[in-house]
């Protein structure tokens, strides 16, 4: 039998009113339980529904049974049919006639829905399924919104969990895998900056074929991408046309990664190629944006973390540190350890500043270039920077891993000192320092160095968590440096004792100097060229 005109009219009015109600609920962002309660009141008024039952996941991803109407707790307890629905069906309970069916979305069951009428008011067997089916279709859009939000939430949690990996590359690998499960794509390129404290910018990249990383900037270079980065100048802002050749597709979707709210700073971008013949839907683009935002925050943290560590350590050490979970507690907290210490100071710098350099800009430029040149040369010997005090560079040898033997640390300490002396001589002879060379006391300009190996408390210490060491040995190293003349390297007894006898160096001494408030004099040796 077909529906009568009266039936069709009833269904039309019911759908129209329900559509308006649900639209209003969505616009006002009403939660699921409250929304279903309002829908029940509407159905009770329009078609005398006595009980409205829905089983599905709520906004917190918890499976819930919502039951509205008379005796709802009793109904949930005594009507097991409601929890085992896999097709549309009809049954009765005392005084009530039930019509139930699964809730489906894109072919997947996400719950069940049921209506109960008093036996005397129940629609006939032709109209009732149409009413239930129409109501189910109407509230599908409400469930779809919850499903989308639930999916976004799940994606955010999955991506953020993957990005917690200490290795930046491994963390992105995991996040790409999570994204691809929901948004299939053919190719992805991630470009991101690794910005040093000096402001210099290195561009890293990762290239994925679906979830497989096929190229990256550290181990497996992509020639076309390398060429693009070099030729584009700033590949993060450059036209993406050349990337069509790299990806082999004209269908590119680009998402930019920005840092900062007031002054936006471009720190990366993501280039996505959808599956062949496909385009990304609005939903897909929203999910990609979720991925982009999570990755943006990870890269901000990545740059911030590396730039804190770059104040003290070489990139090689930083890479080893950050690859280890819990590296801060394991390697950077304060501890007692035997370490090498160096104080290196430009001899005659006060006279040089007042009589030759004069301007703050020139003084700053000279110190910056000299100290940067030192760090570039001594990182290879395991040095880390304690601090730069004026024109004095303080270096520590041993942190952060404390793996070297005392003999090896002292060997690296001496090699670094000799390297600094040689570099300083060459630096002062550069054409740009002609005015320094012309000064009558040029022969007295150079670097004066003090070396020590001693027990100290060392680690990231103080409110700014700067790498430093505390000990009487630190003070003695400073005193030694103060005793040294231009081009001289003075060392403590402990350094002289530990210096490998096979090394290409000799010592003159011992000599000694009184120390204020200390009974015994400071014994030291001079390292000979």
Protein backbone atom coordinates (compact mmCIF):
# COMPACT_ATOMS: atom_id res chain seq x y z
CA UNK A 1 0.00 0.00 0.00
CA UNK A 2 1.22 3.53 -0.80
CA UNK A 3 1.09 6.53 1.48
CA UNK A 4 -2.07 8.58 1.46
CA UNK A 5 -2.20 12.31 0.82
CA UNK A 6 -2.74 12.91 4.55
CA UNK A 7 0.31 10.79 5.33
CA UNK A 8 2.46 12.74 2.86
CA UNK A 9 1.24 16.03 4.27
CA UNK A 10 2.05 14.91 7.81
CA UNK A 11 5.56 13.80 6.77
CA UNK A 12 6.16 17.05 4.90
CA UNK A 13 5.21 19.21 7.89
CA UNK A 14 7.14 16.99 10.27
CA UNK A 15 10.33 17.19 8.15
CA UNK A 16 9.99 20.93 7.69
CA UNK A 17 9.57 21.62 11.41
CA UNK A 18 12.34 19.19 12.40
CA UNK A 19 14.71 20.69 9.83
CA UNK A 20 14.13 24.18 11.21
CA UNK A 21 14.63 22.96 14.80
CA UNK A 22 17.90 21.14 14.04
CA UNK A 23 19.25 24.09 12.06
CA UNK A 24 18.59 26.33 15.06
CA UNK A 25 20.25 23.83 17.42
CA UNK A 26 23.37 23.72 15.24
CA UNK A 27 23.58 27.49 14.89
CA UNK A 28 23.50 27.82 18.68
CA UNK A 29 26.03 24.99 19.20
CA UNK A 30 23.70 23.06 21.50
CA UNK A 31 25.21 19.92 23.03
CA UNK A 32 23.94 16.52 21.92
CA UNK A 33 21.96 15.57 25.03
CA UNK A 34 20.13 18.91 25.18
CA UNK A 35 19.46 18.80 21.42
CA UNK A 36 17.98 15.30 21.56
CA UNK A 37 15.79 16.39 24.48
CA UNK A 38 14.39 19.29 22.43
CA UNK A 39 13.83 16.96 19.46
CA UNK A 40 11.85 14.62 21.75
CA UNK A 41 9.62 17.50 22.93
CA UNK A 42 9.00 18.43 19.29
CA UNK A 43 8.09 14.83 18.34
CA UNK A 44 5.91 14.43 21.42
CA UNK A 45 3.97 17.55 20.48
CA UNK A 46 3.63 16.79 16.77
CA UNK A 47 3.09 13.04 16.59
CA UNK A 48 2.66 11.99 20.27
CA UNK A 49 5.94 10.11 20.57
CA UNK A 50 6.06 8.70 24.11
CA UNK A 51 9.69 7.59 24.16
CA UNK A 52 12.61 8.75 22.03
CA UNK A 53 15.70 6.53 22.17
CA UNK A 54 19.16 7.17 20.65
CA UNK A 55 22.34 5.16 21.13
CA UNK A 56 25.55 6.75 19.77
CA UNK A 57 28.86 8.38 20.75
CA UNK A 58 28.70 11.77 22.43
CA UNK A 59 31.06 14.72 22.02
CA UNK A 60 33.58 13.10 24.39
CA UNK A 61 33.74 9.96 22.23
CA UNK A 62 31.89 7.98 24.92
CA UNK A 63 29.19 5.52 23.90
CA UNK A 64 25.93 6.83 25.36
CA UNK A 65 22.31 5.75 25.53
CA UNK A 66 19.92 8.72 25.48
CA UNK A 67 16.32 7.95 26.39
CA UNK A 68 13.61 10.60 26.74
CA UNK A 69 10.03 10.15 27.80
CA UNK A 70 8.13 8.15 30.37
CA UNK A 71 10.00 5.55 32.40
CA UNK A 72 13.18 6.00 30.44
CA UNK A 73 15.42 4.30 33.03
CA UNK A 74 13.09 1.30 33.15
CA UNK A 75 13.02 1.14 29.35
CA UNK A 76 16.82 1.13 29.07
CA UNK A 77 16.93 -1.68 31.62
CA UNK A 78 14.12 -3.89 30.29
CA UNK A 79 14.37 -3.45 26.52
CA UNK A 80 17.50 -5.30 25.34
CA UNK A 81 16.29 -5.09 21.71
CA UNK A 82 17.31 -1.42 21.70
CA UNK A 83 20.98 -2.32 22.14
CA UNK A 84 21.12 -4.95 19.39
CA UNK A 85 19.75 -3.12 16.38
CA UNK A 86 21.17 -3.98 12.96
CA UNK A 87 18.08 -3.39 10.81
CA UNK A 88 14.72 -1.63 10.93
CA UNK A 89 12.30 -3.53 13.12
CA UNK A 90 9.10 -3.29 15.19
CA UNK A 91 8.29 -4.78 18.58
CA UNK A 92 6.06 -4.08 21.55
CA UNK A 93 6.51 -3.65 25.28
CA UNK A 94 3.66 -3.26 27.77
CA UNK A 95 1.58 -0.34 26.54
CA UNK A 96 4.09 0.75 23.85
CA UNK A 97 4.68 0.01 20.21
CA UNK A 98 8.35 0.43 19.14
CA UNK A 99 9.93 1.25 15.79
CA UNK A 100 13.75 1.10 15.70
CA UNK A 101 16.55 1.16 13.14
CA UNK A 102 20.34 1.65 12.91
CA UNK A 103 21.90 5.08 12.36
CA UNK A 104 24.27 4.88 9.41
CA UNK A 105 26.78 7.33 8.03
CA UNK A 106 28.64 6.65 4.80
CA UNK A 107 27.75 2.96 5.11
CA UNK A 108 29.02 2.72 8.71
CA UNK A 109 26.74 2.08 11.68
CA UNK A 110 27.31 4.77 14.30
CA UNK A 111 24.38 3.95 16.59
CA UNK A 112 20.64 3.32 16.72
CA UNK A 113 17.41 5.28 16.96
CA UNK A 114 13.99 4.29 18.22
CA UNK A 115 10.49 5.73 18.70
CA UNK A 116 7.77 4.38 20.98
CA UNK A 117 4.06 5.24 20.74
CA UNK A 118 1.16 4.31 22.97
CA UNK A 119 -0.50 1.33 21.38
CA UNK A 120 -3.70 3.31 20.73
CA UNK A 121 -1.77 6.19 19.04
CA UNK A 122 0.82 4.22 17.06
CA UNK A 123 1.02 5.04 13.34
CA UNK A 124 0.19 2.17 11.01
CA UNK A 125 2.87 -0.16 9.64
CA UNK A 126 3.18 1.89 6.44
CA UNK A 127 3.51 5.33 8.02
CA UNK A 128 5.62 4.47 11.10
CA UNK A 129 8.76 3.31 9.20
CA UNK A 130 8.54 6.41 6.99
CA UNK A 131 8.33 8.65 10.07
CA UNK A 132 11.32 6.92 11.68
CA UNK A 133 13.34 6.98 8.47
CA UNK A 134 12.57 10.67 7.90
CA UNK A 135 13.51 11.60 11.48
CA UNK A 136 16.73 9.58 11.20
CA UNK A 137 17.66 11.39 7.98
CA UNK A 138 16.92 14.76 9.53
CA UNK A 139 19.10 14.23 12.59
CA UNK A 140 21.86 12.66 10.47
CA UNK A 141 23.12 16.17 9.74
CA UNK A 142 23.37 16.79 13.48
CA UNK A 143 25.25 13.53 13.98
CA UNK A 144 27.44 14.36 10.99
CA UNK A 145 28.57 17.59 12.65
CA UNK A 146 29.43 15.66 15.82
CA UNK A 147 31.15 12.99 13.72
CA UNK A 148 33.29 15.63 11.99
CA UNK A 149 34.23 17.25 15.29
CA UNK A 150 34.93 13.82 16.76
CA UNK A 151 37.14 13.00 13.80
CA UNK A 152 38.99 16.31 14.07
CA UNK A 153 39.52 15.71 17.77
CA UNK A 154 40.80 12.20 17.11
CA UNK A 155 43.12 13.53 14.39
CA UNK A 156 44.43 16.27 16.66
CA UNK A 157 45.14 13.78 19.44
CA UNK A 158 46.81 11.33 17.04
CA UNK A 159 48.93 13.98 15.32
CA UNK A 160 49.94 15.66 18.57
CA UNK A 161 50.85 12.30 20.07
CA UNK A 162 53.04 11.51 17.04
CA UNK A 163 54.71 14.93 17.20
CA UNK A 164 55.84 14.33 20.80
CA UNK A 165 58.71 12.19 19.52
CA UNK A 166 62.01 13.91 20.35
CA UNK A 167 63.33 13.37 16.83
CA UNK A 168 61.77 16.06 14.63
CA UNK A 169 61.96 13.82 11.55
CA UNK A 170 60.49 10.76 13.25
CA UNK A 171 57.73 12.86 14.82
CA UNK A 172 56.71 14.25 11.42
CA UNK A 173 56.80 10.74 9.93
CA UNK A 174 54.28 9.63 12.54
CA UNK A 175 52.02 12.64 12.02
CA UNK A 176 52.02 12.12 8.24
CA UNK A 177 50.95 8.51 8.78
CA UNK A 178 48.03 9.63 10.99
CA UNK A 179 46.96 12.22 8.42
CA UNK A 180 47.13 9.79 5.48
CA UNK A 181 44.80 7.32 7.21
CA UNK A 182 42.00 9.90 7.01
CA UNK A 183 43.03 12.04 4.04
CA UNK A 184 44.70 9.91 1.37
CA UNK A 185 47.20 11.84 -0.73
CA UNK A 186 49.74 10.93 -3.36
CA UNK A 187 52.67 13.18 -2.45
CA UNK A 188 53.64 15.61 0.30
CA UNK A 189 56.54 18.06 0.62
CA UNK A 190 57.28 19.76 3.94
CA UNK A 191 59.69 22.72 3.90
CA UNK A 192 60.69 24.24 7.22
CA UNK A 193 63.31 26.62 8.52
CA UNK A 194 65.97 25.86 11.09
CA UNK A 195 66.81 29.37 12.24
CA UNK A 196 70.10 29.93 14.02
CA UNK A 197 70.69 32.54 16.73
CA UNK A 198 72.62 34.64 14.23
CA UNK A 199 69.49 34.91 12.09
CA UNK A 200 70.91 32.68 9.38
CA UNK A 201 68.30 30.32 8.01
CA UNK A 202 68.73 26.76 6.84
CA UNK A 203 65.85 25.19 4.94
CA UNK A 204 65.11 21.56 5.71
CA UNK A 205 62.67 19.41 3.78
CA UNK A 206 60.91 16.06 3.87
CA UNK A 207 59.29 14.45 0.81
CA UNK A 208 56.70 11.69 1.16
CA UNK A 209 55.21 9.30 -1.34
CA UNK A 210 51.99 8.61 0.56
CA UNK A 211 53.39 7.67 4.01
CA UNK A 212 56.89 6.67 2.84
CA UNK A 213 59.61 9.30 3.30
CA UNK A 214 61.57 9.17 0.05
CA UNK A 215 63.77 12.28 0.43
CA UNK A 216 65.02 14.46 3.26
CA UNK A 217 67.54 17.27 3.57
CA UNK A 218 69.84 15.50 6.02
CA UNK A 219 70.33 12.00 4.64
CA UNK A 220 68.71 11.45 1.23
CA UNK A 221 68.79 14.61 -0.88
CA UNK A 222 66.27 15.42 -3.63
CA UNK A 223 68.25 17.04 -6.50
CA UNK A 224 65.25 18.94 -7.92
CA UNK A 225 64.31 20.30 -4.49
CA UNK A 226 67.91 21.24 -3.69
CA UNK A 227 68.03 23.17 -6.97
CA UNK A 228 64.73 24.89 -6.17
CA UNK A 229 65.95 25.98 -2.71
CA UNK A 230 69.20 27.39 -4.10
CA UNK A 231 67.65 29.21 -7.06
CA UNK A 232 64.58 30.59 -5.28
CA UNK A 233 66.51 32.59 -2.69
CA UNK A 234 63.72 32.26 -0.13
CA UNK A 235 61.88 29.09 -1.04
CA UNK A 236 59.24 29.59 1.69
CA UNK A 237 57.87 32.68 -0.11
CA UNK A 238 58.86 31.70 -3.65
CA UNK A 239 56.44 30.84 -6.43
CA UNK A 240 55.52 27.16 -6.25
CA UNK A 241 55.51 26.61 -10.02
CA UNK A 242 58.90 24.82 -9.94
CA UNK A 243 57.48 22.43 -7.35
CA UNK A 244 55.01 21.13 -9.91
CA UNK A 245 58.00 19.61 -11.67
CA UNK A 246 59.27 18.13 -8.40
CA UNK A 247 55.88 16.59 -7.56
CA UNK A 248 54.94 15.71 -11.12
CA UNK A 249 51.52 17.30 -10.68
CA UNK A 250 49.78 20.63 -11.39
CA UNK A 251 47.22 19.95 -8.68
CA UNK A 252 48.94 21.34 -5.58
CA UNK A 253 47.47 22.44 -2.27
CA UNK A 254 49.72 24.69 -0.17
CA UNK A 255 49.44 25.37 3.55
CA UNK A 256 51.71 28.00 5.14
CA UNK A 257 53.14 27.69 8.65
CA UNK A 258 53.35 31.03 10.46
CA UNK A 259 54.84 31.99 13.80
CA UNK A 260 53.78 35.10 15.72
CA UNK A 261 50.50 36.95 16.12
CA UNK A 262 51.44 40.60 15.56
CA UNK A 263 54.45 40.14 13.31
CA UNK A 264 53.91 36.94 11.40
CA UNK A 265 57.03 34.98 10.51
CA UNK A 266 56.88 32.29 7.83
CA UNK A 267 58.63 29.22 9.22
CA UNK A 268 57.49 26.55 6.76
CA UNK A 269 54.97 25.34 4.23
CA UNK A 270 53.30 22.11 3.24
CA UNK A 271 52.68 21.12 -0.37
CA UNK A 272 50.12 18.36 -0.89
CA UNK A 273 49.21 16.45 -4.05
CA UNK A 274 45.84 14.62 -3.86
CA UNK A 275 45.36 11.18 -5.32
CA UNK A 276 45.30 11.12 -9.10
CA UNK A 277 42.13 12.65 -10.52
CA UNK A 278 40.93 13.77 -7.08
CA UNK A 279 40.60 17.13 -5.32
CA UNK A 280 40.61 17.86 -1.61
CA UNK A 281 37.14 18.52 -0.17
CA UNK A 282 36.40 21.27 2.34
CA UNK A 283 36.49 18.64 5.07
CA UNK A 284 39.88 17.37 3.84
CA UNK A 285 41.27 20.90 3.82
CA UNK A 286 40.05 21.41 7.40
CA UNK A 287 41.86 18.24 8.47
CA UNK A 288 44.99 19.37 6.63
CA UNK A 289 44.73 22.64 8.55
CA UNK A 290 44.59 20.69 11.81
CA UNK A 291 47.77 18.90 10.72
CA UNK A 292 49.40 22.18 9.70
CA UNK A 293 48.62 23.92 12.98
CA UNK A 294 50.00 21.03 15.04
CA UNK A 295 53.13 20.88 12.89
CA UNK A 296 53.54 24.66 13.12
CA UNK A 297 53.61 24.50 16.91
CA UNK A 298 56.07 21.60 16.83
CA UNK A 299 58.40 23.57 14.55
CA UNK A 300 58.14 26.67 16.77
CA UNK A 301 59.13 24.51 19.74
CA UNK A 302 61.84 22.86 17.62
CA UNK A 303 63.45 26.18 16.72
CA UNK A 304 63.10 27.54 20.25
CA UNK A 305 64.62 24.43 21.80
CA UNK A 306 67.52 24.31 19.36
CA UNK A 307 68.27 28.01 19.75
CA UNK A 308 68.46 27.66 23.52
CA UNK A 309 70.92 24.79 23.08
CA UNK A 310 72.83 26.61 20.34
CA UNK A 311 73.97 29.15 22.90
CA UNK A 312 76.20 26.43 24.33
CA UNK A 313 76.62 23.45 22.00
CA UNK A 314 77.46 22.53 18.42
CA UNK A 315 74.72 21.32 16.06
CA UNK A 316 76.22 17.83 16.19
CA UNK A 317 75.87 17.74 19.98
CA UNK A 318 72.34 19.20 19.78
CA UNK A 319 71.27 16.53 17.31
CA UNK A 320 72.56 13.81 19.64
CA UNK A 321 70.96 15.44 22.68
CA UNK A 322 67.50 15.98 21.23
CA UNK A 323 67.35 12.45 19.82
CA UNK A 324 67.32 11.15 23.40
CA UNK A 325 64.08 11.34 25.42
CA UNK A 326 64.65 12.96 28.79
CA UNK A 327 67.96 14.44 27.66
CA UNK A 328 67.57 17.50 29.89
CA UNK A 329 67.48 15.52 33.12
CA UNK A 330 70.07 13.01 31.91
CA UNK A 331 72.69 15.47 30.67
CA UNK A 332 71.97 19.11 31.48
CA UNK A 333 71.00 19.29 35.15
CA UNK A 334 73.70 20.42 37.56
CA UNK A 335 76.21 17.77 38.67
CA UNK A 336 79.71 17.43 40.04
CA UNK A 337 82.22 16.44 37.39
CA UNK A 338 85.85 16.86 36.38
CA UNK A 339 85.89 19.19 33.40
CA UNK A 340 88.29 21.21 31.29
CA UNK A 341 88.04 25.01 31.58
CA UNK A 342 89.42 27.72 29.32
CA UNK A 343 89.46 31.50 29.69
CA UNK A 344 90.56 33.27 26.48
CA UNK A 345 90.83 37.07 26.51
CA UNK A 346 92.09 39.60 23.95
CA UNK A 347 95.21 41.12 25.50
CA UNK A 348 95.32 44.91 25.23
CA UNK A 349 91.64 45.10 24.30
CA UNK A 350 90.93 48.14 26.48
CA UNK A 351 93.64 50.17 24.74
CA UNK A 352 92.51 48.82 21.35
CA UNK A 353 88.91 49.88 22.05
CA UNK A 354 89.72 53.37 23.35
CA UNK A 355 92.47 54.33 20.88
CA UNK A 356 91.57 52.44 17.68
CA UNK A 357 88.07 50.96 17.51
CA UNK A 358 86.35 53.76 19.48
CA UNK A 359 82.74 53.34 18.22
CA UNK A 360 80.45 50.79 19.94
CA UNK A 361 79.51 49.40 16.52
CA UNK A 362 83.13 48.67 15.60
CA UNK A 363 83.91 47.18 19.00
CA UNK A 364 80.83 44.94 18.89
CA UNK A 365 81.52 43.84 15.31
CA UNK A 366 85.10 42.87 16.14
CA UNK A 367 84.17 40.88 19.25
CA UNK A 368 81.28 39.15 17.45
CA UNK A 369 83.45 38.08 14.51
CA UNK A 370 86.36 37.01 16.71
CA UNK A 371 84.22 34.97 19.16
CA UNK A 372 82.17 33.39 16.33
CA UNK A 373 85.41 32.39 14.62
CA UNK A 374 86.61 30.78 17.83
CA UNK A 375 83.42 28.73 18.30
CA UNK A 376 83.48 27.56 14.68
CA UNK A 377 86.97 26.15 15.31
CA UNK A 378 86.71 24.66 18.80
CA UNK A 379 83.35 22.86 18.57
CA UNK A 380 85.21 20.02 16.82
CA UNK A 381 87.20 19.48 20.03
CA UNK A 382 84.12 19.07 22.19
CA UNK A 383 84.08 22.62 23.52
CA UNK A 384 80.89 24.22 24.77
CA UNK A 385 80.37 27.87 25.55
CA UNK A 386 79.95 28.93 29.15
CA UNK A 387 79.69 32.62 28.35
CA UNK A 388 81.22 35.61 26.60
CA UNK A 389 82.13 38.34 29.08
CA UNK A 390 83.21 41.40 27.13
CA UNK A 391 86.18 40.18 25.09
CA UNK A 392 86.72 37.06 27.23
CA UNK A 393 85.46 33.68 25.99
CA UNK A 394 84.89 31.03 28.68
CA UNK A 395 84.75 27.45 27.39
CA UNK A 396 84.02 24.13 29.10
CA UNK A 397 85.17 20.70 27.97
CA UNK A 398 83.32 17.57 29.07
CA UNK A 399 79.64 18.58 29.10
CA UNK A 400 77.05 17.53 28.19
CA UNK A 401 77.84 13.81 27.90
CA UNK A 402 80.95 13.49 30.11
CA UNK A 403 82.15 10.55 28.03
CA UNK A 404 85.80 11.50 27.40
CA UNK A 405 88.70 10.45 29.63
CA UNK A 406 90.58 13.19 31.55
CA UNK A 407 93.54 12.72 29.21
CA UNK A 408 91.39 13.19 26.12
CA UNK A 409 89.69 16.27 27.56
CA UNK A 410 93.05 17.87 28.32
CA UNK A 411 94.32 17.01 24.84
CA UNK A 412 91.26 18.72 23.31
CA UNK A 413 91.71 21.64 25.72
CA UNK A 414 95.29 22.24 24.55
CA UNK A 415 94.46 21.77 20.86
CA UNK A 416 91.63 24.30 21.19
CA UNK A 417 93.91 26.83 22.93
CA UNK A 418 96.59 26.55 20.25
CA UNK A 419 93.90 26.86 17.55
CA UNK A 420 92.57 30.05 19.18
CA UNK A 421 96.04 31.59 19.39
CA UNK A 422 96.65 30.87 15.72
CA UNK A 423 93.21 32.09 14.65
CA UNK A 424 93.57 35.33 16.65
CA UNK A 425 96.90 36.08 14.98
CA UNK A 426 95.34 35.56 11.55
CA UNK A 427 92.25 37.54 12.54
CA UNK A 428 94.23 40.60 13.61
CA UNK A 429 96.16 40.49 10.34
CA UNK A 430 93.02 40.70 8.18
CA UNK A 431 92.90 43.75 5.83
CA UNK A 432 89.84 45.06 7.68
CA UNK A 433 92.02 45.40 10.82
CA UNK A 434 94.68 47.55 9.16
CA UNK A 435 94.17 50.30 11.72
CA UNK A 436 94.94 47.83 14.54
CA UNK A 437 98.08 46.66 12.74
CA UNK A 438 99.31 50.26 12.42
CA UNK A 439 99.17 50.90 16.17
CA UNK A 440 102.55 51.12 17.91
CA UNK A 441 101.54 48.40 20.43
CA UNK A 442 100.30 45.92 17.83
CA UNK A 443 102.84 43.33 19.02
CA UNK A 444 101.17 43.38 22.44
CA UNK A 445 97.75 42.59 21.00
CA UNK A 446 96.73 38.93 20.92
CA UNK A 447 94.89 36.34 22.96
CA UNK A 448 95.88 35.39 26.51
CA UNK A 449 94.66 31.98 27.66
CA UNK A 450 94.37 30.09 30.96
CA UNK A 451 93.61 26.34 31.08
CA UNK A 452 92.51 24.12 33.96
CA UNK A 453 91.12 20.66 34.62
CA UNK A 454 89.28 20.34 37.92
CA UNK A 455 86.21 19.24 39.86
CA UNK A 456 83.28 21.63 39.38
CA UNK A 457 79.53 21.86 39.70
CA UNK A 458 78.38 22.17 36.10
CA UNK A 459 75.07 22.26 34.21
CA UNK A 460 72.25 24.61 33.24
CA UNK A 461 72.08 26.80 36.33
CA UNK A 462 70.31 29.98 37.39
CA UNK A 463 67.05 31.70 36.42
CA UNK A 464 68.06 31.78 32.76
CA UNK A 465 69.32 28.19 32.87
CA UNK A 466 72.66 29.10 31.31
CA UNK A 467 75.40 26.52 31.02
CA UNK A 468 78.07 27.35 33.58
CA UNK A 469 80.38 25.87 36.21
CA UNK A 470 81.19 26.79 39.80
CA UNK A 471 84.40 25.91 41.60
CA UNK A 472 87.61 27.40 42.97
CA UNK A 473 89.11 25.98 39.77
CA UNK A 474 87.05 28.42 37.71
CA UNK A 475 88.53 31.30 39.71
CA UNK A 476 92.05 29.93 39.31
CA UNK A 477 91.57 29.64 35.54
CA UNK A 478 90.53 33.30 35.43
CA UNK A 479 93.65 34.21 37.46
CA UNK A 480 95.87 32.25 35.07
CA UNK A 481 94.39 34.04 32.08
CA UNK A 482 95.08 37.35 33.81
CA UNK A 483 98.74 36.40 34.24
CA UNK A 484 99.17 35.46 30.55
CA UNK A 485 100.46 37.86 27.90
CA UNK A 486 99.43 38.09 24.25
CA UNK A 487 99.88 34.72 22.56
CA UNK A 488 100.58 32.88 25.84
CA UNK A 489 98.82 29.77 27.16
CA UNK A 490 99.21 29.12 30.90
CA UNK A 491 98.04 25.82 32.40
CA UNK A 492 97.56 24.42 35.91
CA UNK A 493 99.57 21.53 37.34
CA UNK A 494 96.67 19.15 36.68
CA UNK A 495 96.61 20.02 32.96
CA UNK A 496 100.39 19.57 32.72
CA UNK A 497 100.13 16.18 34.44
CA UNK A 498 97.32 14.88 32.19
CA UNK A 499 98.68 16.23 28.89
CA UNK A 500 99.58 13.24 26.68
CA UNK A 501 103.37 12.97 26.53
CA UNK A 502 103.08 12.04 22.86
CA UNK A 503 101.60 15.46 22.05
CA UNK A 504 103.53 18.01 19.99
CA UNK A 505 103.97 20.39 22.91
CA UNK A 506 106.28 21.19 25.79
CA UNK A 507 105.85 23.06 29.04
CA UNK A 508 108.02 25.54 30.83
CA UNK A 509 107.85 25.71 34.61
CA UNK A 510 106.68 25.27 37.20
CA UNK A 511 106.07 28.84 38.19
CA UNK A 512 103.76 30.25 40.86
CA UNK A 513 101.72 33.29 41.78
CA UNK A 514 100.10 34.28 45.09
CA UNK A 515 96.33 33.98 45.36
CA UNK A 516 94.36 36.42 47.48
CA UNK A 517 92.86 34.84 50.61
CA UNK A 518 94.48 31.46 49.74
CA UNK A 519 97.47 30.15 51.70
CA UNK A 520 99.15 28.22 48.90
CA UNK A 521 100.29 29.99 45.72
CA UNK A 522 98.88 29.05 42.33
CA UNK A 523 101.35 26.78 40.52
CA UNK A 524 101.26 26.90 36.74
CA UNK A 525 103.16 26.07 33.55
CA UNK A 526 103.57 27.87 30.27
CA UNK A 527 102.78 25.94 27.09
CA UNK A 528 105.59 26.45 24.58
CA UNK A 529 105.05 26.79 20.85
